Amino acid sequence: MYWTKEMPVKDGYYWLEQKVGGKPTHELVNVVQGVVLSMGSVKTCFVSDHRNMRWYGPLTPPSRESYEG
């Protein structure tokens, strides 16, 4: 995977990079049917609202074999 400005077309978890005060900040978000659900808050918006930001994902969940117990 790599950072891209292409907006997500698949549902899943993504890192979203945006600039705040000229510095990059990163947030883990869940994309579901074009809606961005911010982790840890009730904030939602559309993928299209993030045109000039960078995305990393969708993140692959760990395999079942990697779970303990």
Protein backbone atom coordinates (compact mmCIF):
# COMPACT_ATOMS: atom_id res chain seq x y z
CA MET A 1 0.00 0.00 0.00
CA TYR A 2 0.99 3.59 -0.40
CA TRP A 3 -0.39 7.08 0.29
CA THR A 4 -2.58 8.40 -2.52
CA LYS A 5 -4.87 11.33 -3.27
CA GLU A 6 -7.29 8.95 -5.01
CA MET A 7 -10.46 8.77 -2.96
CA PRO A 8 -11.48 5.34 -1.63
CA VAL A 9 -13.90 3.26 -3.66
CA LYS A 10 -13.88 0.23 -1.32
CA ASP A 11 -15.32 0.09 2.18
CA GLY A 12 -12.78 -0.39 4.95
CA TYR A 13 -10.45 1.29 7.40
CA TYR A 14 -8.09 3.96 6.08
CA TRP A 15 -5.52 6.37 7.39
CA LEU A 16 -6.47 9.90 6.35
CA GLU A 17 -3.80 12.60 6.20
CA GLN A 18 -4.80 16.24 6.32
CA LYS A 19 -2.85 19.42 6.99
CA VAL A 20 -3.67 21.45 10.10
CA GLY A 21 -1.68 24.65 10.48
CA GLY A 22 0.63 23.47 7.70
CA LYS A 23 1.51 20.25 9.54
CA PRO A 24 0.24 16.81 8.51
CA THR A 25 -2.09 15.07 10.94
CA HIS A 26 -3.28 11.49 10.65
CA GLU A 27 -6.61 9.97 11.61
CA LEU A 28 -7.95 6.43 11.35
CA VAL A 29 -11.35 6.42 9.65
CA ASN A 30 -13.88 3.83 8.50
CA VAL A 31 -15.31 4.29 5.00
CA VAL A 32 -18.75 2.74 4.50
CA GLN A 33 -20.62 3.29 1.22
CA GLY A 34 -18.89 6.61 0.58
CA VAL A 35 -19.38 7.92 4.12
CA VAL A 36 -16.33 8.62 6.29
CA LEU A 37 -16.85 7.66 9.93
CA SER A 38 -14.29 9.27 12.20
CA MET A 39 -12.94 6.95 14.89
CA GLY A 40 -13.60 8.16 18.43
CA SER A 41 -16.16 10.80 17.52
CA VAL A 42 -19.61 11.13 16.04
CA LYS A 43 -18.31 13.19 13.11
CA THR A 44 -19.32 11.86 9.68
CA CYS A 45 -18.88 13.26 6.19
CA PHE A 46 -18.61 12.05 2.62
CA VAL A 47 -15.46 10.80 0.92
CA SER A 48 -15.95 13.57 -1.65
CA ASP A 49 -15.49 16.16 1.14
CA HIS A 50 -11.81 15.10 1.36
CA ARG A 51 -10.63 15.84 -2.19
CA ASN A 52 -7.18 17.25 -1.40
CA MET A 53 -6.21 14.83 1.34
CA ARG A 54 -4.15 11.68 1.21
CA TRP A 55 -5.45 8.17 1.93
CA TYR A 56 -3.72 4.95 2.97
CA GLY A 57 -5.73 1.77 2.76
CA PRO A 58 -7.93 -0.13 2.92
CA LEU A 59 -6.13 -1.73 5.83
CA THR A 60 -6.06 -5.52 5.87
CA PRO A 61 -7.28 -7.06 9.13
CA PRO A 62 -4.93 -9.53 10.81
CA SER A 63 -5.32 -13.19 9.95
CA ARG A 64 -7.19 -15.48 12.35
CA GLU A 65 -3.93 -17.37 12.93
CA SER A 66 -2.37 -14.24 14.45
CA TYR A 67 -4.93 -14.09 17.28
CA GLU A 68 -3.89 -15.41 20.66
CA GLY A 69 -6.00 -17.91 22.58
